[in-house]
Amino acid sequence: MVADGQWRVWIWRWIAALQRELTEGGLTQRAAALVYCSLLSLAPLLAVSFSLLKAFGVHNQIQPFLLEMLAPLGNQAGEISSRIIGFVENVQVGVLGFVGLATLFYTVVSLLGQVEESFNHIWRIRQPRPWVRRFSDYLSVVLVGPVLLFAGVGITASMSSSALAQRLIALEPFGTAYYLAGLVLPYVLVSAAFAFGYLFIPNTKVGLKPAAIGGVAAGLGWKLSGSLFTRFVADSAEYSAIYSGFAVVLVFMIWIYLSWIIVLLGGAVAFHCQHPSYLRMGRRNLRL
């Protein structure tokens, strides 16, 4: 009975802590601001990643990856991903010149700067990175993150299409293992991407275990909310009747907002795992 009571207290502390981060911490307002920054920086970010991924030969996996990320939008995911890919392909990094290339990178760095500011707020850090470190650290995130993520998707796709893999899939228990890996791998990739951001973006020393726990929590939350959001989109035919052609944009913005809420809450989970003493506080900021 004591252990059961301790578990209940522990769960309620976590719920209260995350609620404090949403209300007193202002994560909802920060998520709304990040939606605006994301819409401005999405095409430049993908253009930079697309140019870098060409060198690794996995740039063709951008559209399948976008379809996976936008799957909660239902039938509208294909239309939105095609439009985004069209924007990215029209941006020719090689002919932009120095000013255009600098503007492109500055847009990407500005988005990551807003993300760092939100993460620093969660981690109670008031001092941001210096500008010199921002460019070096942010560019490492832009370089390493998409390459690993898209490479993993590309390796999975190439494995399923090879003749040897097809033979192994036809045999048991390899077929069942491959099916289970196909179910688990998207969760692992998304959780690893979140954990990578929690580990390197805040301007403080984040432990690997708290970042991994936050990444898993955000990954599971993102997948669960995606399933619920798919039902919401399927049952929201009145939005199309009211907003007509703008319904796609509206649903897309709502999904980005929910995604940022989940990302910020995952960062809060990582913070409270590394500093569990904050779970016992009644307020986020102590007022004397």
Protein backbone atom coordinates (compact mmCIF):
# COMPACT_ATOMS: atom_id res chain seq x y z
CA MET A 1 0.00 0.00 0.00
CA VAL A 2 2.86 2.38 0.76
CA ALA A 3 4.47 1.71 -2.58
CA ASP A 4 1.15 2.27 -4.34
CA GLY A 5 0.70 5.56 -2.50
CA GLN A 6 4.21 6.67 -3.42
CA TRP A 7 3.56 5.90 -7.07
CA ARG A 8 0.39 7.98 -6.97
CA VAL A 9 2.20 10.91 -5.37
CA TRP A 10 4.98 10.63 -7.94
CA ILE A 11 2.52 10.61 -10.85
CA TRP A 12 0.60 13.58 -9.49
CA ARG A 13 3.84 15.51 -9.02
CA TRP A 14 4.73 14.91 -12.66
CA ILE A 15 1.27 16.00 -13.84
CA ALA A 16 1.41 19.13 -11.69
CA ALA A 17 4.94 19.94 -12.90
CA LEU A 18 4.01 19.68 -16.57
CA GLN A 19 0.87 21.72 -15.96
CA ARG A 20 3.00 24.43 -14.30
CA GLU A 21 5.27 24.49 -17.34
CA LEU A 22 2.27 24.99 -19.62
CA THR A 23 0.57 27.68 -17.55
CA GLU A 24 3.18 29.52 -15.49
CA GLY A 25 6.00 28.67 -17.89
CA GLY A 26 4.13 30.02 -20.89
CA LEU A 27 4.90 27.08 -23.15
CA THR A 28 1.64 27.57 -25.05
CA GLN A 29 2.66 31.11 -26.04
CA ARG A 30 6.16 29.96 -26.99
CA ALA A 31 4.71 27.17 -29.12
CA ALA A 32 2.53 29.70 -30.94
CA ALA A 33 5.59 31.87 -31.62
CA LEU A 34 7.51 28.85 -32.91
CA VAL A 35 4.67 28.12 -35.37
CA TYR A 36 5.28 31.53 -36.96
CA CYS A 37 9.05 30.96 -37.08
CA SER A 38 8.54 27.47 -38.49
CA LEU A 39 6.38 28.70 -41.35
CA LEU A 40 9.03 31.28 -42.27
CA SER A 41 11.97 28.89 -41.92
CA LEU A 42 10.54 25.60 -43.20
CA ALA A 43 11.48 26.05 -46.86
CA PRO A 44 15.01 27.44 -46.13
CA LEU A 45 15.67 24.67 -43.58
CA LEU A 46 14.64 21.94 -46.00
CA ALA A 47 16.58 23.64 -48.81
CA VAL A 48 19.77 23.60 -46.74
CA SER A 49 19.15 19.99 -45.68
CA PHE A 50 18.32 19.02 -49.28
CA SER A 51 21.61 20.47 -50.54
CA LEU A 52 23.59 18.68 -47.83
CA LEU A 53 21.79 15.37 -48.28
CA LYS A 54 22.62 15.32 -51.98
CA ALA A 55 26.23 14.65 -51.05
CA PHE A 56 25.15 11.54 -49.11
CA GLY A 57 22.76 10.29 -51.80
CA VAL A 58 19.69 10.20 -49.54
CA HIS A 59 17.98 13.40 -50.71
CA ASN A 60 15.23 11.34 -52.38
CA GLN A 61 13.98 10.37 -48.92
CA ILE A 62 12.76 13.88 -48.06
CA GLN A 63 9.29 13.41 -49.52
CA PRO A 64 8.66 10.00 -47.84
CA PHE A 65 9.91 11.54 -44.59
CA LEU A 66 7.54 14.51 -44.97
CA LEU A 67 4.68 12.13 -45.69
CA GLU A 68 5.51 10.28 -42.46
CA MET A 69 5.72 13.52 -40.47
CA LEU A 70 2.48 14.89 -41.96
CA ALA A 71 0.60 11.58 -41.82
CA PRO A 72 -1.78 12.91 -39.09
CA LEU A 73 -3.17 15.36 -41.67
CA GLY A 74 -4.74 12.46 -43.56
CA ASN A 75 -5.38 12.97 -47.27
CA GLN A 76 -4.01 16.50 -47.09
CA ALA A 77 -0.51 15.25 -46.22
CA GLY A 78 0.29 14.46 -49.87
CA GLU A 79 -0.79 17.89 -51.09
CA ILE A 80 1.17 19.78 -48.42
CA SER A 81 4.33 17.66 -48.84
CA SER A 82 4.20 18.15 -52.65
CA ARG A 83 3.95 21.92 -52.21
CA ILE A 84 6.84 21.97 -49.75
CA ILE A 85 9.01 19.84 -52.05
CA GLY A 86 8.14 22.19 -54.92
CA PHE A 87 9.35 25.18 -52.89
CA VAL A 88 12.54 23.35 -51.91
CA GLU A 89 13.35 22.30 -55.47
CA ASN A 90 12.84 25.86 -56.71
CA VAL A 91 15.45 27.14 -54.26
CA GLN A 92 18.78 26.70 -56.05
CA VAL A 93 21.42 27.19 -53.40
CA GLY A 94 24.24 27.21 -55.96
CA VAL A 95 23.02 30.37 -57.71
CA LEU A 96 21.96 32.39 -54.68
CA GLY A 97 25.25 34.20 -54.26
CA PHE A 98 26.87 35.19 -51.00
CA VAL A 99 24.07 37.48 -49.78
CA GLY A 100 21.32 35.01 -50.65
CA LEU A 101 23.21 32.11 -49.08
CA ALA A 102 23.90 34.14 -45.93
CA THR A 103 20.20 35.06 -45.72
CA LEU A 104 19.23 31.42 -46.13
CA PHE A 105 21.49 30.30 -43.30
CA TYR A 106 20.48 33.25 -41.13
CA THR A 107 16.81 32.20 -41.43
CA VAL A 108 17.68 28.68 -40.33
CA VAL A 109 19.85 29.95 -37.45
CA SER A 110 17.05 32.29 -36.35
CA LEU A 111 14.62 29.39 -36.05
CA LEU A 112 17.10 27.37 -34.00
CA GLY A 113 17.75 30.47 -31.89
CA GLN A 114 14.06 30.65 -31.01
CA VAL A 115 14.08 26.95 -30.16
CA GLU A 116 17.14 27.45 -27.94
CA GLU A 117 15.47 30.38 -26.19
CA SER A 118 12.45 28.20 -25.40
CA PHE A 119 14.63 25.33 -24.18
CA ASN A 120 16.73 27.71 -22.07
CA HIS A 121 13.50 29.00 -20.53
CA ILE A 122 12.56 25.44 -19.59
CA TRP A 123 16.02 24.85 -18.11
CA ARG A 124 15.93 28.17 -16.15
CA ILE A 125 18.89 29.57 -18.14
CA ARG A 126 18.99 33.29 -18.92
CA GLN A 127 22.29 33.42 -20.81
CA PRO A 128 22.02 32.37 -24.48
CA ARG A 129 24.92 31.18 -26.60
CA PRO A 130 27.27 33.79 -28.07
CA TRP A 131 26.73 34.44 -31.77
CA VAL A 132 29.94 32.67 -32.73
CA ARG A 133 28.88 29.50 -30.91
CA ARG A 134 25.36 29.79 -32.29
CA PHE A 135 26.49 29.43 -35.89
CA SER A 136 28.88 26.58 -35.14
CA ASP A 137 26.54 24.62 -32.84
CA TYR A 138 23.40 25.23 -34.87
CA LEU A 139 25.04 24.26 -38.14
CA SER A 140 26.26 21.03 -36.53
CA VAL A 141 22.64 20.26 -35.60
CA VAL A 142 21.47 21.09 -39.13
CA LEU A 143 24.25 18.96 -40.62
CA VAL A 144 24.15 15.90 -38.37
CA GLY A 145 20.44 15.64 -37.53
CA PRO A 146 18.87 15.46 -41.01
CA VAL A 147 21.70 13.29 -42.38
CA LEU A 148 21.22 10.65 -39.67
CA LEU A 149 17.44 10.78 -39.84
CA PHE A 150 17.10 10.63 -43.62
CA ALA A 151 19.91 8.09 -43.88
CA GLY A 152 18.03 5.81 -41.49
CA VAL A 153 14.87 6.13 -43.59
CA GLY A 154 16.87 5.53 -46.78
CA ILE A 155 18.59 2.44 -45.38
CA THR A 156 15.25 1.02 -44.28
CA ALA A 157 13.73 1.57 -47.73
CA SER A 158 16.74 0.09 -49.57
CA MET A 159 16.79 -2.95 -47.28
CA SER A 160 13.16 -3.73 -48.00
CA SER A 161 13.73 -3.51 -51.77
CA SER A 162 16.83 -5.72 -51.97
CA ALA A 163 16.56 -9.35 -53.13
CA LEU A 164 18.37 -10.73 -50.06
CA ALA A 165 16.05 -8.86 -47.72
CA GLN A 166 13.00 -10.18 -49.56
CA ARG A 167 14.26 -13.74 -49.12
CA LEU A 168 14.88 -13.22 -45.43
CA ILE A 169 11.46 -11.63 -44.96
CA ALA A 170 9.84 -14.71 -46.48
CA LEU A 171 11.44 -16.85 -43.73
CA GLU A 172 10.40 -16.99 -40.10
CA PRO A 173 11.19 -15.55 -37.62
CA PHE A 174 12.85 -12.93 -39.88
CA GLY A 175 9.50 -11.90 -41.39
CA THR A 176 7.94 -11.23 -37.99
CA ALA A 177 11.06 -9.44 -36.80
CA TYR A 178 11.05 -7.23 -39.90
CA TYR A 179 7.36 -6.42 -39.39
CA LEU A 180 7.96 -5.48 -35.75
CA ALA A 181 11.02 -3.43 -36.72
CA GLY A 182 8.87 -1.55 -39.24
CA LEU A 183 6.44 -0.69 -36.45
CA VAL A 184 9.09 0.30 -33.92
CA LEU A 185 11.62 2.07 -36.17
CA PRO A 186 9.53 5.25 -36.77
CA TYR A 187 9.16 5.68 -32.99
CA VAL A 188 12.89 5.14 -32.49
CA LEU A 189 13.86 7.64 -35.20
CA VAL A 190 11.49 10.34 -33.95
CA SER A 191 12.53 9.80 -30.32
CA ALA A 192 16.22 9.89 -31.29
CA ALA A 193 15.70 13.17 -33.18
CA PHE A 194 13.97 14.73 -30.16
CA ALA A 195 16.66 13.44 -27.77
CA PHE A 196 19.37 14.85 -30.05
CA GLY A 197 17.73 18.28 -29.84
CA TYR A 198 17.32 18.12 -26.05
CA LEU A 199 20.97 17.13 -25.70
CA PHE A 200 22.62 19.80 -27.84
CA ILE A 201 20.30 22.80 -28.20
CA PRO A 202 19.98 24.05 -24.56
CA ASN A 203 22.88 26.20 -23.42
CA THR A 204 23.71 23.88 -20.53
CA LYS A 205 25.03 20.42 -19.79
CA VAL A 206 22.21 17.93 -20.39
CA GLY A 207 22.69 14.32 -19.38
CA LEU A 208 22.25 11.58 -21.95
CA LYS A 209 19.69 9.69 -19.84
CA PRO A 210 17.36 12.70 -19.22
CA ALA A 211 17.58 13.66 -22.90
CA ALA A 212 16.74 10.09 -23.92
CA ILE A 213 13.78 9.94 -21.51
CA GLY A 214 12.50 13.28 -22.79
CA GLY A 215 12.95 12.09 -26.38
CA VAL A 216 11.02 8.88 -25.76
CA ALA A 217 8.23 10.78 -23.98
CA ALA A 218 8.00 13.33 -26.81
CA GLY A 219 8.16 10.61 -29.47
CA LEU A 220 5.36 8.58 -27.90
CA GLY A 221 3.31 11.71 -27.29
CA TRP A 222 3.83 12.86 -30.87
CA LYS A 223 2.74 9.51 -32.30
CA LEU A 224 -0.28 9.28 -29.98
CA SER A 225 -1.40 12.83 -30.71
CA GLY A 226 -0.89 12.12 -34.42
CA SER A 227 -3.36 9.25 -34.26
CA LEU A 228 -5.90 11.42 -32.43
CA PHE A 229 -5.33 14.34 -34.80
CA THR A 230 -5.97 12.07 -37.79
CA ARG A 231 -9.44 11.33 -36.40
CA PHE A 232 -9.97 15.03 -35.77
CA VAL A 233 -9.12 15.85 -39.40
CA ALA A 234 -11.38 13.07 -40.67
CA ASP A 235 -14.31 14.37 -38.60
CA SER A 236 -13.78 18.09 -39.32
CA ALA A 237 -15.51 18.44 -42.67
CA GLU A 238 -17.07 21.70 -41.47
CA TYR A 239 -13.64 23.37 -41.59
CA SER A 240 -13.53 22.82 -45.34
CA ALA A 241 -17.02 24.24 -45.68
CA ILE A 242 -16.14 27.36 -43.66
CA TYR A 243 -12.56 28.07 -44.73
CA SER A 244 -12.66 26.51 -48.22
CA GLY A 245 -9.11 26.46 -49.67
CA PHE A 246 -7.60 27.85 -46.45
CA ALA A 247 -8.66 24.75 -44.50
CA VAL A 248 -5.45 22.94 -45.51
CA VAL A 249 -3.30 25.79 -44.20
CA LEU A 250 -5.34 26.03 -40.99
CA VAL A 251 -5.09 22.30 -40.24
CA PHE A 252 -1.35 22.40 -41.04
CA MET A 253 -0.78 25.27 -38.59
CA ILE A 254 -2.78 23.51 -35.86
CA TRP A 255 -0.67 20.37 -36.28
CA ILE A 256 2.59 22.39 -36.12
CA TYR A 257 1.33 24.06 -32.94
CA LEU A 258 0.51 20.73 -31.29
CA SER A 259 3.87 19.34 -32.39
CA TRP A 260 5.74 22.23 -30.75
CA ILE A 261 3.70 21.80 -27.56
CA ILE A 262 4.81 18.16 -27.44
CA VAL A 263 8.44 19.05 -28.19
CA LEU A 264 8.52 21.65 -25.39
CA LEU A 265 6.83 19.29 -22.94
CA GLY A 266 9.44 16.65 -23.80
CA GLY A 267 12.10 19.21 -22.93
CA ALA A 268 10.32 19.80 -19.61
CA VAL A 269 10.37 16.03 -18.96
CA ALA A 270 14.11 15.98 -19.61
CA PHE A 271 14.63 18.94 -17.24
CA HIS A 272 12.66 17.41 -14.38
CA CYS A 273 14.45 14.06 -14.86
CA GLN A 274 17.78 15.82 -14.41
CA HIS A 275 16.51 18.07 -11.58
CA PRO A 276 13.83 16.04 -9.73
CA SER A 277 13.83 18.49 -6.81
CA TYR A 278 11.71 20.87 -8.92
CA LEU A 279 8.88 18.32 -8.86
CA ARG A 280 8.18 19.18 -5.23
CA MET A 281 7.75 22.92 -5.86
CA GLY A 282 4.27 24.40 -5.80
CA ARG A 283 5.16 27.12 -8.28
CA ARG A 284 7.46 27.27 -11.27
CA ASN A 285 9.03 30.55 -10.13
CA LEU A 286 9.34 31.22 -6.41
CA ARG A 287 8.01 34.64 -5.45
CA LEU A 288 9.31 36.10 -2.20
